[in-house]
Each structure stands twice: as structure tokens, then as C-alpha cells.
Amino acid sequence: MSNVRVLPVLEPDVATCCPPMTERALTAEEAVRTAAMFKALGDPVRLRLFSLVASHEGGEACVCDISDVGVSQPTVSHHLKKLKEAGLLSSERRGTWVYYRVQPAVLAAMGQMLASRD
């Protein structure tokens, strides 16, 4: 019997983050949540990691597949943790590896928030 433990995937609450910026002004609480997302993506390494996960085949990526971004493994882990804390990534441990995914709702919410009123 295997000792593998699958952790539940918690969906971040980003889908309900904010209305389109052209619809109305953000509330103070919405601005804090939105700033945390942009702050997390404001680092080039984090933005690259987010892009690697989002574009990876199957919609998820093992940390072993995305760790070659020019920084040490502990630094990669630090940046992935920051992306998770901002609600941009979720993760699941499978054996010795951690798999990361961007929830479709996260990308949809970000796109909607930045959409114009055309």
C-alpha cells in the first residue's frame, strides 16, 4: 500500500474579486485584493512561473517541470508560495512532487477585471 496522501484542492476566491475597472471604482477591500494579485505578478520570476503553469499541457505543472527559471529551487518555492497566497495558483501534493494549476476562474476574473466597456 502506498503512503501517498492527496490533499484537497482549495479554489481561490478570485473569481469574485472585482468588477471590470471601467464599470465602477473599486472599493477599498477590492483594491487590496487586486493589488495583492498584481503585486504577486509584478516580479518577473513570478510572472514567468505563472505563465509556465497556465500554459502547461493539461492545465497543471509539476514543480519539477517549471523549476528551471534561472533561480535556485528554494527561490522557486518562495515565489510559488507568493502566487498561492495571492490566490493565483492552487497546488496538490502527489508523492514527493507538488503540482500547480491556475484555476480557470482566476484567468477569467483577471480578464474581466481589465476588460473595457466597448
PDB file of N, CA and C in Angstrom:
ATOM      1  N   MET A   1       0.835  -1.174   0.000  1.00  0.00           N
ATOM      2  CA  MET A   1       0.000   0.000   0.000  1.00  0.00           C
ATOM      3  C   MET A   1       0.882   1.241   0.000  1.00  0.00           C
ATOM      4  N   SER A   2       0.457   2.253  -0.716  1.00  0.00           N
ATOM      5  CA  SER A   2       1.226   3.478  -0.864  1.00  0.00           C
ATOM      6  C   SER A   2       0.975   4.433   0.297  1.00  0.00           C
ATOM      7  N   ASN A   3       1.979   5.236   0.593  1.00  0.00           N
ATOM      8  CA  ASN A   3       1.841   6.272   1.613  1.00  0.00           C
ATOM      9  C   ASN A   3       1.483   7.617   0.999  1.00  0.00           C
ATOM     10  N   VAL A   4       1.054   7.625  -0.257  1.00  0.00           N
ATOM     11  CA  VAL A   4       0.725   8.859  -0.945  1.00  0.00           C
ATOM     12  C   VAL A   4      -0.559   9.432  -0.364  1.00  0.00           C
ATOM     13  N   ARG A   5      -0.502  10.691  -0.013  1.00  0.00           N
ATOM     14  CA  ARG A   5      -1.673  11.369   0.528  1.00  0.00           C
ATOM     15  C   ARG A   5      -2.053  12.503  -0.419  1.00  0.00           C
ATOM     16  N   VAL A   6      -3.257  12.510  -0.898  1.00  0.00           N
ATOM     17  CA  VAL A   6      -3.715  13.553  -1.800  1.00  0.00           C
ATOM     18  C   VAL A   6      -4.414  14.620  -0.977  1.00  0.00           C
ATOM     19  N   LEU A   7      -3.939  15.832  -1.118  1.00  0.00           N
ATOM     20  CA  LEU A   7      -4.523  16.941  -0.377  1.00  0.00           C
ATOM     21  C   LEU A   7      -5.666  17.540  -1.184  1.00  0.00           C
ATOM     22  N   PRO A   8      -6.688  18.042  -0.529  1.00  0.00           N
ATOM     23  CA  PRO A   8      -7.799  18.650  -1.262  1.00  0.00           C
ATOM     24  C   PRO A   8      -7.351  19.931  -1.949  1.00  0.00           C
ATOM     25  N   VAL A   9      -7.953  20.212  -3.083  1.00  0.00           N
ATOM     26  CA  VAL A   9      -7.645  21.424  -3.822  1.00  0.00           C
ATOM     27  C   VAL A   9      -8.618  22.502  -3.372  1.00  0.00           C
ATOM     28  N   LEU A  10      -8.077  23.590  -2.866  1.00  0.00           N
ATOM     29  CA  LEU A  10      -8.909  24.701  -2.433  1.00  0.00           C
ATOM     30  C   LEU A  10      -8.954  25.719  -3.552  1.00  0.00           C
ATOM     31  N   GLU A  11     -10.147  26.097  -3.952  1.00  0.00           N
ATOM     32  CA  GLU A  11     -10.293  27.064  -5.022  1.00  0.00           C
ATOM     33  C   GLU A  11     -10.168  28.467  -4.442  1.00  0.00           C
ATOM     34  N   PRO A  12      -9.289  29.284  -5.018  1.00  0.00           N
ATOM     35  CA  PRO A  12      -9.148  30.647  -4.524  1.00  0.00           C
ATOM     36  C   PRO A  12     -10.387  31.474  -4.849  1.00  0.00           C
ATOM     37  N   ASP A  13     -10.624  32.507  -4.064  1.00  0.00           N
ATOM     38  CA  ASP A  13     -11.790  33.359  -4.233  1.00  0.00           C
ATOM     39  C   ASP A  13     -11.433  34.562  -5.101  1.00  0.00           C
ATOM     40  N   VAL A  14     -10.884  34.313  -6.260  1.00  0.00           N
ATOM     41  CA  VAL A  14     -10.506  35.401  -7.139  1.00  0.00           C
ATOM     42  C   VAL A  14     -11.612  35.699  -8.135  1.00  0.00           C
ATOM     43  N   ALA A  15     -12.418  34.710  -8.468  1.00  0.00           N
ATOM     44  CA  ALA A  15     -13.472  34.904  -9.452  1.00  0.00           C
ATOM     45  C   ALA A  15     -14.427  36.011  -9.021  1.00  0.00           C
ATOM     46  N   THR A  16     -14.606  36.184  -7.735  1.00  0.00           N
ATOM     47  CA  THR A  16     -15.500  37.219  -7.246  1.00  0.00           C
ATOM     48  C   THR A  16     -14.734  38.459  -6.808  1.00  0.00           C
ATOM     49  N   CYS A  17     -13.490  38.570  -7.234  1.00  0.00           N
ATOM     50  CA  CYS A  17     -12.628  39.655  -6.779  1.00  0.00           C
ATOM     51  C   CYS A  17     -13.206  41.021  -7.061  1.00  0.00           C
ATOM     52  N   CYS A  18     -13.373  41.310  -8.305  1.00  0.00           N
ATOM     53  CA  CYS A  18     -13.684  42.694  -8.628  1.00  0.00           C
ATOM     54  C   CYS A  18     -14.448  42.809  -9.940  1.00  0.00           C
ATOM     55  N   PRO A  19     -15.251  43.861 -10.050  1.00  0.00           N
ATOM     56  CA  PRO A  19     -15.931  44.111 -11.312  1.00  0.00           C
ATOM     57  C   PRO A  19     -14.937  44.710 -12.306  1.00  0.00           C
ATOM     58  N   PRO A  20     -15.315  44.800 -13.576  1.00  0.00           N
ATOM     59  CA  PRO A  20     -14.427  45.487 -14.527  1.00  0.00           C
ATOM     60  C   PRO A  20     -14.108  46.896 -14.018  1.00  0.00           C
ATOM     61  N   MET A  21     -12.881  47.314 -14.175  1.00  0.00           N
ATOM     62  CA  MET A  21     -12.463  48.618 -13.658  1.00  0.00           C
ATOM     63  C   MET A  21     -13.190  49.763 -14.350  1.00  0.00           C
ATOM     64  N   THR A  22     -13.705  49.516 -15.542  1.00  0.00           N
ATOM     65  CA  THR A  22     -14.435  50.557 -16.251  1.00  0.00           C
ATOM     66  C   THR A  22     -15.900  50.639 -15.818  1.00  0.00           C
ATOM     67  N   GLU A  23     -16.347  49.686 -15.008  1.00  0.00           N
ATOM     68  CA  GLU A  23     -17.741  49.655 -14.556  1.00  0.00           C
ATOM     69  C   GLU A  23     -17.978  50.606 -13.397  1.00  0.00           C
ATOM     70  N   ARG A  24     -17.086  50.566 -12.417  1.00  0.00           N
ATOM     71  CA  ARG A  24     -17.192  51.439 -11.245  1.00  0.00           C
ATOM     72  C   ARG A  24     -15.851  51.441 -10.534  1.00  0.00           C
ATOM     73  N   ALA A  25     -15.700  52.367  -9.629  1.00  0.00           N
ATOM     74  CA  ALA A  25     -14.471  52.420  -8.833  1.00  0.00           C
ATOM     75  C   ALA A  25     -14.434  51.238  -7.870  1.00  0.00           C
ATOM     76  N   LEU A  26     -13.247  50.734  -7.625  1.00  0.00           N
ATOM     77  CA  LEU A  26     -13.078  49.637  -6.679  1.00  0.00           C
ATOM     78  C   LEU A  26     -13.316  50.118  -5.252  1.00  0.00           C
ATOM     79  N   THR A  27     -13.852  49.235  -4.436  1.00  0.00           N
ATOM     80  CA  THR A  27     -13.950  49.529  -3.012  1.00  0.00           C
ATOM     81  C   THR A  27     -12.554  49.362  -2.411  1.00  0.00           C
ATOM     82  N   ALA A  28     -12.381  49.789  -1.195  1.00  0.00           N
ATOM     83  CA  ALA A  28     -11.083  49.642  -0.533  1.00  0.00           C
ATOM     84  C   ALA A  28     -10.692  48.173  -0.434  1.00  0.00           C
ATOM     85  N   GLU A  29     -11.652  47.310  -0.075  1.00  0.00           N
ATOM     86  CA  GLU A  29     -11.375  45.873   0.054  1.00  0.00           C
ATOM     87  C   GLU A  29     -11.010  45.252  -1.301  1.00  0.00           C
ATOM     88  N   GLU A  30     -11.734  45.617  -2.350  1.00  0.00           N
ATOM     89  CA  GLU A  30     -11.432  45.104  -3.694  1.00  0.00           C
ATOM     90  C   GLU A  30     -10.055  45.567  -4.155  1.00  0.00           C
ATOM     91  N   ALA A  31      -9.710  46.804  -3.817  1.00  0.00           N
ATOM     92  CA  ALA A  31      -8.399  47.331  -4.200  1.00  0.00           C
ATOM     93  C   ALA A  31      -7.271  46.563  -3.513  1.00  0.00           C
ATOM     94  N   VAL A  32      -7.480  46.181  -2.251  1.00  0.00           N
ATOM     95  CA  VAL A  32      -6.463  45.410  -1.524  1.00  0.00           C
ATOM     96  C   VAL A  32      -6.263  44.053  -2.195  1.00  0.00           C
ATOM     97  N   ARG A  33      -7.372  43.357  -2.507  1.00  0.00           N
ATOM     98  CA  ARG A  33      -7.271  42.041  -3.153  1.00  0.00           C
ATOM     99  C   ARG A  33      -6.633  42.139  -4.535  1.00  0.00           C
ATOM    100  N   THR A  34      -7.030  43.156  -5.305  1.00  0.00           N
ATOM    101  CA  THR A  34      -6.493  43.321  -6.651  1.00  0.00           C
ATOM    102  C   THR A  34      -5.013  43.678  -6.595  1.00  0.00           C
ATOM    103  N   ALA A  35      -4.639  44.545  -5.681  1.00  0.00           N
ATOM    104  CA  ALA A  35      -3.230  44.920  -5.532  1.00  0.00           C
ATOM    105  C   ALA A  35      -2.373  43.712  -5.182  1.00  0.00           C
ATOM    106  N   ALA A  36      -2.896  42.809  -4.348  1.00  0.00           N
ATOM    107  CA  ALA A  36      -2.145  41.603  -3.973  1.00  0.00           C
ATOM    108  C   ALA A  36      -1.891  40.736  -5.206  1.00  0.00           C
ATOM    109  N   MET A  37      -2.895  40.626  -6.080  1.00  0.00           N
ATOM    110  CA  MET A  37      -2.708  39.847  -7.316  1.00  0.00           C
ATOM    111  C   MET A  37      -1.637  40.485  -8.192  1.00  0.00           C
ATOM    112  N   PHE A  38      -1.761  41.797  -8.416  1.00  0.00           N
ATOM    113  CA  PHE A  38      -0.788  42.474  -9.272  1.00  0.00           C
ATOM    114  C   PHE A  38       0.602  42.496  -8.652  1.00  0.00           C
ATOM    115  N   LYS A  39       0.670  42.632  -7.338  1.00  0.00           N
ATOM    116  CA  LYS A  39       1.970  42.607  -6.668  1.00  0.00           C
ATOM    117  C   LYS A  39       2.644  41.257  -6.872  1.00  0.00           C
ATOM    118  N   ALA A  40       1.856  40.185  -6.744  1.00  0.00           N
ATOM    119  CA  ALA A  40       2.415  38.847  -6.944  1.00  0.00           C
ATOM    120  C   ALA A  40       2.919  38.669  -8.369  1.00  0.00           C
ATOM    121  N   LEU A  41       2.228  39.253  -9.324  1.00  0.00           N
ATOM    122  CA  LEU A  41       2.643  39.124 -10.727  1.00  0.00           C
ATOM    123  C   LEU A  41       3.664  40.188 -11.139  1.00  0.00           C
ATOM    124  N   GLY A  42       3.963  41.114 -10.231  1.00  0.00           N
ATOM    125  CA  GLY A  42       4.885  42.197 -10.545  1.00  0.00           C
ATOM    126  C   GLY A  42       6.348  41.787 -10.557  1.00  0.00           C
ATOM    127  N   ASP A  43       6.654  40.603 -10.127  1.00  0.00           N
ATOM    128  CA  ASP A  43       8.026  40.091 -10.146  1.00  0.00           C
ATOM    129  C   ASP A  43       8.211  39.258 -11.413  1.00  0.00           C
ATOM    130  N   PRO A  44       9.270  39.492 -12.191  1.00  0.00           N
ATOM    131  CA  PRO A  44       9.462  38.744 -13.441  1.00  0.00           C
ATOM    132  C   PRO A  44       9.522  37.227 -13.260  1.00  0.00           C
ATOM    133  N   VAL A  45      10.136  36.743 -12.186  1.00  0.00           N
ATOM    134  CA  VAL A  45      10.209  35.302 -11.957  1.00  0.00           C
ATOM    135  C   VAL A  45       8.814  34.757 -11.668  1.00  0.00           C
ATOM    136  N   ARG A  46       8.047  35.461 -10.846  1.00  0.00           N
ATOM    137  CA  ARG A  46       6.689  35.005 -10.548  1.00  0.00           C
ATOM    138  C   ARG A  46       5.803  35.029 -11.784  1.00  0.00           C
ATOM    139  N   LEU A  47       5.939  36.075 -12.574  1.00  0.00           N
ATOM    140  CA  LEU A  47       5.146  36.156 -13.798  1.00  0.00           C
ATOM    141  C   LEU A  47       5.501  35.013 -14.738  1.00  0.00           C
ATOM    142  N   ARG A  48       6.775  34.692 -14.822  1.00  0.00           N
ATOM    143  CA  ARG A  48       7.202  33.569 -15.667  1.00  0.00           C
ATOM    144  C   ARG A  48       6.676  32.246 -15.134  1.00  0.00           C
ATOM    145  N   LEU A  49       6.759  32.025 -13.833  1.00  0.00           N
ATOM    146  CA  LEU A  49       6.228  30.797 -13.231  1.00  0.00           C
ATOM    147  C   LEU A  49       4.721  30.690 -13.470  1.00  0.00           C
ATOM    148  N   PHE A  50       4.003  31.783 -13.278  1.00  0.00           N
ATOM    149  CA  PHE A  50       2.561  31.793 -13.512  1.00  0.00           C
ATOM    150  C   PHE A  50       2.269  31.427 -14.972  1.00  0.00           C
ATOM    151  N   SER A  51       3.028  31.997 -15.880  1.00  0.00           N
ATOM    152  CA  SER A  51       2.857  31.711 -17.308  1.00  0.00           C
ATOM    153  C   SER A  51       3.175  30.259 -17.629  1.00  0.00           C
ATOM    154  N   LEU A  52       4.229  29.730 -17.021  1.00  0.00           N
ATOM    155  CA  LEU A  52       4.590  28.328 -17.249  1.00  0.00           C
ATOM    156  C   LEU A  52       3.491  27.382 -16.773  1.00  0.00           C
ATOM    157  N   VAL A  53       2.907  27.675 -15.626  1.00  0.00           N
ATOM    158  CA  VAL A  53       1.825  26.831 -15.119  1.00  0.00           C
ATOM    159  C   VAL A  53       0.587  26.984 -16.000  1.00  0.00           C
ATOM    160  N   ALA A  54       0.212  28.230 -16.305  1.00  0.00           N
ATOM    161  CA  ALA A  54      -1.002  28.486 -17.078  1.00  0.00           C
ATOM    162  C   ALA A  54      -0.944  27.876 -18.467  1.00  0.00           C
ATOM    163  N   SER A  55       0.235  27.849 -19.072  1.00  0.00           N
ATOM    164  CA  SER A  55       0.359  27.361 -20.449  1.00  0.00           C
ATOM    165  C   SER A  55       0.766  25.895 -20.535  1.00  0.00           C
ATOM    166  N   HIS A  56       0.995  25.257 -19.400  1.00  0.00           N
ATOM    167  CA  HIS A  56       1.455  23.869 -19.401  1.00  0.00           C
ATOM    168  C   HIS A  56       0.348  22.939 -19.888  1.00  0.00           C
ATOM    169  N   GLU A  57       0.737  21.917 -20.623  1.00  0.00           N
ATOM    170  CA  GLU A  57      -0.214  20.941 -21.140  1.00  0.00           C
ATOM    171  C   GLU A  57      -1.028  20.328 -20.003  1.00  0.00           C
ATOM    172  N   GLY A  58      -2.315  20.247 -20.192  1.00  0.00           N
ATOM    173  CA  GLY A  58      -3.187  19.676 -19.170  1.00  0.00           C
ATOM    174  C   GLY A  58      -3.619  20.660 -18.110  1.00  0.00           C
ATOM    175  N   GLY A  59      -3.122  21.887 -18.176  1.00  0.00           N
ATOM    176  CA  GLY A  59      -3.552  22.909 -17.229  1.00  0.00           C
ATOM    177  C   GLY A  59      -2.913  22.853 -15.867  1.00  0.00           C
ATOM    178  N   GLU A  60      -1.958  21.955 -15.679  1.00  0.00           N
ATOM    179  CA  GLU A  60      -1.230  21.893 -14.416  1.00  0.00           C
ATOM    180  C   GLU A  60       0.209  21.507 -14.701  1.00  0.00           C
ATOM    181  N   ALA A  61       1.087  21.881 -13.780  1.00  0.00           N
ATOM    182  CA  ALA A  61       2.504  21.599 -13.968  1.00  0.00           C
ATOM    183  C   ALA A  61       3.128  21.136 -12.662  1.00  0.00           C
ATOM    184  N   CYS A  62       3.950  20.120 -12.778  1.00  0.00           N
ATOM    185  CA  CYS A  62       4.734  19.649 -11.640  1.00  0.00           C
ATOM    186  C   CYS A  62       5.844  20.660 -11.395  1.00  0.00           C
ATOM    187  N   VAL A  63       6.152  20.882 -10.149  1.00  0.00           N
ATOM    188  CA  VAL A  63       7.234  21.811  -9.831  1.00  0.00           C
ATOM    189  C   VAL A  63       8.532  21.367 -10.500  1.00  0.00           C
ATOM    190  N   CYS A  64       8.675  20.063 -10.732  1.00  0.00           N
ATOM    191  CA  CYS A  64       9.881  19.555 -11.393  1.00  0.00           C
ATOM    192  C   CYS A  64       9.958  20.003 -12.853  1.00  0.00           C
ATOM    193  N   ASP A  65       8.816  20.358 -13.467  1.00  0.00           N
ATOM    194  CA  ASP A  65       8.785  20.800 -14.859  1.00  0.00           C
ATOM    195  C   ASP A  65       8.955  22.296 -15.030  1.00  0.00           C
ATOM    196  N   ILE A  66       8.818  23.060 -13.977  1.00  0.00           N
ATOM    197  CA  ILE A  66       8.842  24.519 -14.113  1.00  0.00           C
ATOM    198  C   ILE A  66       9.934  25.181 -13.285  1.00  0.00           C
ATOM    199  N   SER A  67      10.814  24.413 -12.700  1.00  0.00           N
ATOM    200  CA  SER A  67      11.782  24.984 -11.764  1.00  0.00           C
ATOM    201  C   SER A  67      13.008  25.601 -12.434  1.00  0.00           C
ATOM    202  N   ASP A  68      13.145  25.451 -13.752  1.00  0.00           N
ATOM    203  CA  ASP A  68      14.314  25.991 -14.449  1.00  0.00           C
ATOM    204  C   ASP A  68      14.018  27.398 -14.966  1.00  0.00           C
ATOM    205  N   VAL A  69      13.999  28.356 -14.048  1.00  0.00           N
ATOM    206  CA  VAL A  69      13.719  29.740 -14.417  1.00  0.00           C
ATOM    207  C   VAL A  69      14.873  30.673 -14.041  1.00  0.00           C
ATOM    208  N   GLY A  70      16.036  30.098 -13.825  1.00  0.00           N
ATOM    209  CA  GLY A  70      17.223  30.907 -13.564  1.00  0.00           C
ATOM    210  C   GLY A  70      17.454  31.276 -12.116  1.00  0.00           C
ATOM    211  N   VAL A  71      16.691  30.686 -11.207  1.00  0.00           N
ATOM    212  CA  VAL A  71      16.906  30.923  -9.777  1.00  0.00           C
ATOM    213  C   VAL A  71      16.951  29.573  -9.074  1.00  0.00           C
ATOM    214  N   SER A  72      17.395  29.564  -7.835  1.00  0.00           N
ATOM    215  CA  SER A  72      17.517  28.309  -7.089  1.00  0.00           C
ATOM    216  C   SER A  72      16.149  27.724  -6.756  1.00  0.00           C
ATOM    217  N   GLN A  73      16.134  26.437  -6.445  1.00  0.00           N
ATOM    218  CA  GLN A  73      14.878  25.762  -6.100  1.00  0.00           C
ATOM    219  C   GLN A  73      14.190  26.391  -4.884  1.00  0.00           C
ATOM    220  N   PRO A  74      14.928  26.750  -3.825  1.00  0.00           N
ATOM    221  CA  PRO A  74      14.250  27.405  -2.703  1.00  0.00           C
ATOM    222  C   PRO A  74      13.584  28.734  -3.114  1.00  0.00           C
ATOM    223  N   THR A  75      14.216  29.444  -4.048  1.00  0.00           N
ATOM    224  CA  THR A  75      13.643  30.699  -4.529  1.00  0.00           C
ATOM    225  C   THR A  75      12.386  30.436  -5.357  1.00  0.00           C
ATOM    226  N   VAL A  76      12.404  29.379  -6.166  1.00  0.00           N
ATOM    227  CA  VAL A  76      11.215  28.991  -6.927  1.00  0.00           C
ATOM    228  C   VAL A  76      10.076  28.689  -5.958  1.00  0.00           C
ATOM    229  N   SER A  77      10.362  27.924  -4.918  1.00  0.00           N
ATOM    230  CA  SER A  77       9.345  27.587  -3.923  1.00  0.00           C
ATOM    231  C   SER A  77       8.779  28.838  -3.257  1.00  0.00           C
ATOM    232  N   HIS A  78       9.646  29.783  -2.942  1.00  0.00           N
ATOM    233  CA  HIS A  78       9.217  31.046  -2.336  1.00  0.00           C
ATOM    234  C   HIS A  78       8.248  31.781  -3.259  1.00  0.00           C
ATOM    235  N   HIS A  79       8.597  31.866  -4.537  1.00  0.00           N
ATOM    236  CA  HIS A  79       7.754  32.581  -5.491  1.00  0.00           C
ATOM    237  C   HIS A  79       6.425  31.862  -5.717  1.00  0.00           C
ATOM    238  N   LEU A  80       6.453  30.541  -5.777  1.00  0.00           N
ATOM    239  CA  LEU A  80       5.208  29.784  -5.931  1.00  0.00           C
ATOM    240  C   LEU A  80       4.308  29.991  -4.714  1.00  0.00           C
ATOM    241  N   LYS A  81       4.900  30.060  -3.541  1.00  0.00           N
ATOM    242  CA  LYS A  81       4.123  30.315  -2.325  1.00  0.00           C
ATOM    243  C   LYS A  81       3.450  31.682  -2.393  1.00  0.00           C
ATOM    244  N   LYS A  82       4.157  32.681  -2.876  1.00  0.00           N
ATOM    245  CA  LYS A  82       3.587  34.023  -3.004  1.00  0.00           C
ATOM    246  C   LYS A  82       2.419  34.027  -3.995  1.00  0.00           C
ATOM    247  N   LEU A  83       2.547  33.279  -5.089  1.00  0.00           N
ATOM    248  CA  LEU A  83       1.462  33.186  -6.072  1.00  0.00           C
ATOM    249  C   LEU A  83       0.245  32.488  -5.465  1.00  0.00           C
ATOM    250  N   LYS A  84       0.493  31.473  -4.647  1.00  0.00           N
ATOM    251  CA  LYS A  84      -0.614  30.782  -3.961  1.00  0.00           C
ATOM    252  C   LYS A  84      -1.290  31.718  -2.962  1.00  0.00           C
ATOM    253  N   GLU A  85      -0.505  32.437  -2.180  1.00  0.00           N
ATOM    254  CA  GLU A  85      -1.060  33.353  -1.183  1.00  0.00           C
ATOM    255  C   GLU A  85      -1.923  34.431  -1.825  1.00  0.00           C
ATOM    256  N   ALA A  86      -1.576  34.819  -3.041  1.00  0.00           N
ATOM    257  CA  ALA A  86      -2.355  35.836  -3.753  1.00  0.00           C
ATOM    258  C   ALA A  86      -3.595  35.237  -4.412  1.00  0.00           C
ATOM    259  N   GLY A  87      -3.772  33.911  -4.301  1.00  0.00           N
ATOM    260  CA  GLY A  87      -4.933  33.261  -4.879  1.00  0.00           C
ATOM    261  C   GLY A  87      -4.817  32.986  -6.362  1.00  0.00           C
ATOM    262  N   LEU A  88      -3.608  33.088  -6.899  1.00  0.00           N
ATOM    263  CA  LEU A  88      -3.410  32.893  -8.335  1.00  0.00           C
ATOM    264  C   LEU A  88      -3.138  31.449  -8.717  1.00  0.00           C
ATOM    265  N   LEU A  89      -2.608  30.663  -7.787  1.00  0.00           N
ATOM    266  CA  LEU A  89      -2.319  29.255  -8.026  1.00  0.00           C
ATOM    267  C   LEU A  89      -2.925  28.408  -6.926  1.00  0.00           C
ATOM    268  N   SER A  90      -3.227  27.175  -7.265  1.00  0.00           N
ATOM    269  CA  SER A  90      -3.552  26.172  -6.255  1.00  0.00           C
ATOM    270  C   SER A  90      -2.567  25.031  -6.454  1.00  0.00           C
ATOM    271  N   SER A  91      -2.439  24.174  -5.456  1.00  0.00           N
ATOM    272  CA  SER A  91      -1.461  23.095  -5.570  1.00  0.00           C
ATOM    273  C   SER A  91      -1.997  21.819  -4.950  1.00  0.00           C
ATOM    274  N   GLU A  92      -1.354  20.726  -5.324  1.00  0.00           N
ATOM    275  CA  GLU A  92      -1.706  19.407  -4.797  1.00  0.00           C
ATOM    276  C   GLU A  92      -0.433  18.573  -4.743  1.00  0.00           C
ATOM    277  N   ARG A  93      -0.180  17.980  -3.584  1.00  0.00           N
ATOM    278  CA  ARG A  93       0.993  17.110  -3.441  1.00  0.00           C
ATOM    279  C   ARG A  93       0.616  15.709  -3.892  1.00  0.00           C
ATOM    280  N   ARG A  94       1.465  15.154  -4.753  1.00  0.00           N
ATOM    281  CA  ARG A  94       1.318  13.767  -5.206  1.00  0.00           C
ATOM    282  C   ARG A  94       2.657  13.091  -5.011  1.00  0.00           C
ATOM    283  N   GLY A  95       2.737  12.296  -3.977  1.00  0.00           N
ATOM    284  CA  GLY A  95       4.008  11.660  -3.652  1.00  0.00           C
ATOM    285  C   GLY A  95       5.003  12.708  -3.207  1.00  0.00           C
ATOM    286  N   THR A  96       6.149  12.756  -3.870  1.00  0.00           N
ATOM    287  CA  THR A  96       7.171  13.727  -3.496  1.00  0.00           C
ATOM    288  C   THR A  96       7.061  15.032  -4.270  1.00  0.00           C
ATOM    289  N   TRP A  97       6.179  15.099  -5.278  1.00  0.00           N
ATOM    290  CA  TRP A  97       6.078  16.278  -6.122  1.00  0.00           C
ATOM    291  C   TRP A  97       4.819  17.077  -5.820  1.00  0.00           C
ATOM    292  N   VAL A  98       4.906  18.359  -6.066  1.00  0.00           N
ATOM    293  CA  VAL A  98       3.752  19.244  -5.927  1.00  0.00           C
ATOM    294  C   VAL A  98       3.370  19.709  -7.334  1.00  0.00           C
ATOM    295  N   TYR A  99       2.081  19.619  -7.625  1.00  0.00           N
ATOM    296  CA  TYR A  99       1.551  20.044  -8.917  1.00  0.00           C
ATOM    297  C   TYR A  99       0.772  21.340  -8.713  1.00  0.00           C
ATOM    298  N   TYR A 100       1.018  22.301  -9.600  1.00  0.00           N
ATOM    299  CA  TYR A 100       0.374  23.609  -9.512  1.00  0.00           C
ATOM    300  C   TYR A 100      -0.575  23.788 -10.683  1.00  0.00           C
ATOM    301  N   ARG A 101      -1.654  24.535 -10.429  1.00  0.00           N
ATOM    302  CA  ARG A 101      -2.593  24.847 -11.500  1.00  0.00           C
ATOM    303  C   ARG A 101      -3.137  26.256 -11.287  1.00  0.00           C
ATOM    304  N   VAL A 102      -3.495  26.866 -12.416  1.00  0.00           N
ATOM    305  CA  VAL A 102      -4.204  28.137 -12.393  1.00  0.00           C
ATOM    306  C   VAL A 102      -5.662  27.788 -12.613  1.00  0.00           C
ATOM    307  N   GLN A 103      -6.506  28.159 -11.696  1.00  0.00           N
ATOM    308  CA  GLN A 103      -7.923  27.887 -11.851  1.00  0.00           C
ATOM    309  C   GLN A 103      -8.462  28.722 -13.016  1.00  0.00           C
ATOM    310  N   PRO A 104      -9.282  28.130 -13.882  1.00  0.00           N
ATOM    311  CA  PRO A 104      -9.855  28.905 -14.989  1.00  0.00           C
ATOM    312  C   PRO A 104     -10.563  30.169 -14.516  1.00  0.00           C
ATOM    313  N   ALA A 105     -11.174  30.107 -13.344  1.00  0.00           N
ATOM    314  CA  ALA A 105     -11.873  31.277 -12.809  1.00  0.00           C
ATOM    315  C   ALA A 105     -10.911  32.436 -12.546  1.00  0.00           C
ATOM    316  N   VAL A 106      -9.660  32.122 -12.218  1.00  0.00           N
ATOM    317  CA  VAL A 106      -8.674  33.166 -11.953  1.00  0.00           C
ATOM    318  C   VAL A 106      -8.396  33.940 -13.233  1.00  0.00           C
ATOM    319  N   LEU A 107      -8.126  33.225 -14.325  1.00  0.00           N
ATOM    320  CA  LEU A 107      -7.844  33.892 -15.597  1.00  0.00           C
ATOM    321  C   LEU A 107      -9.062  34.665 -16.087  1.00  0.00           C
ATOM    322  N   ALA A 108     -10.243  34.079 -15.932  1.00  0.00           N
ATOM    323  CA  ALA A 108     -11.475  34.752 -16.360  1.00  0.00           C
ATOM    324  C   ALA A 108     -11.692  36.038 -15.565  1.00  0.00           C
ATOM    325  N   ALA A 109     -11.477  35.976 -14.253  1.00  0.00           N
ATOM    326  CA  ALA A 109     -11.674  37.155 -13.412  1.00  0.00           C
ATOM    327  C   ALA A 109     -10.674  38.248 -13.754  1.00  0.00           C
ATOM    328  N   MET A 110      -9.425  37.866 -14.001  1.00  0.00           N
ATOM    329  CA  MET A 110      -8.414  38.858 -14.356  1.00  0.00           C
ATOM    330  C   MET A 110      -8.752  39.519 -15.690  1.00  0.00           C
ATOM    331  N   GLY A 111      -9.170  38.704 -16.656  1.00  0.00           N
ATOM    332  CA  GLY A 111      -9.534  39.249 -17.960  1.00  0.00           C
ATOM    333  C   GLY A 111     -10.745  40.156 -17.870  1.00  0.00           C
ATOM    334  N   GLN A 112     -11.752  39.750 -17.096  1.00  0.00           N
ATOM    335  CA  GLN A 112     -12.960  40.547 -16.945  1.00  0.00           C
ATOM    336  C   GLN A 112     -12.656  41.857 -16.244  1.00  0.00           C
ATOM    337  N   MET A 113     -11.800  41.800 -15.240  1.00  0.00           N
ATOM    338  CA  MET A 113     -11.481  42.993 -14.484  1.00  0.00           C
ATOM    339  C   MET A 113     -10.801  44.042 -15.357  1.00  0.00           C
ATOM    340  N   LEU A 114      -9.994  43.581 -16.325  1.00  0.00           N
ATOM    341  CA  LEU A 114      -9.250  44.508 -17.174  1.00  0.00           C
ATOM    342  C   LEU A 114      -9.969  44.831 -18.482  1.00  0.00           C
ATOM    343  N   ALA A 115     -11.156  44.238 -18.688  1.00  0.00           N
ATOM    344  CA  ALA A 115     -11.901  44.456 -19.924  1.00  0.00           C
ATOM    345  C   ALA A 115     -12.421  45.894 -19.997  1.00  0.00           C
ATOM    346  N   SER A 116     -12.544  46.376 -21.220  1.00  0.00           N
ATOM    347  CA  SER A 116     -13.094  47.715 -21.414  1.00  0.00           C
ATOM    348  C   SER A 116     -14.584  47.627 -21.689  1.00  0.00           C
ATOM    349  N   ARG A 117     -15.241  48.756 -21.708  1.00  0.00           N
ATOM    350  CA  ARG A 117     -16.679  48.820 -21.896  1.00  0.00           C
ATOM    351  C   ARG A 117     -17.095  48.875 -23.355  1.00  0.00           C
ATOM    352  N   ASP A 118     -16.348  48.475 -24.262  1.00  0.00           N
ATOM    353  CA  ASP A 118     -16.666  48.612 -25.686  1.00  0.00           C
ATOM    354  C   ASP A 118     -18.083  48.339 -26.016  1.00  0.00           C
TER     355      ASP A 118
END
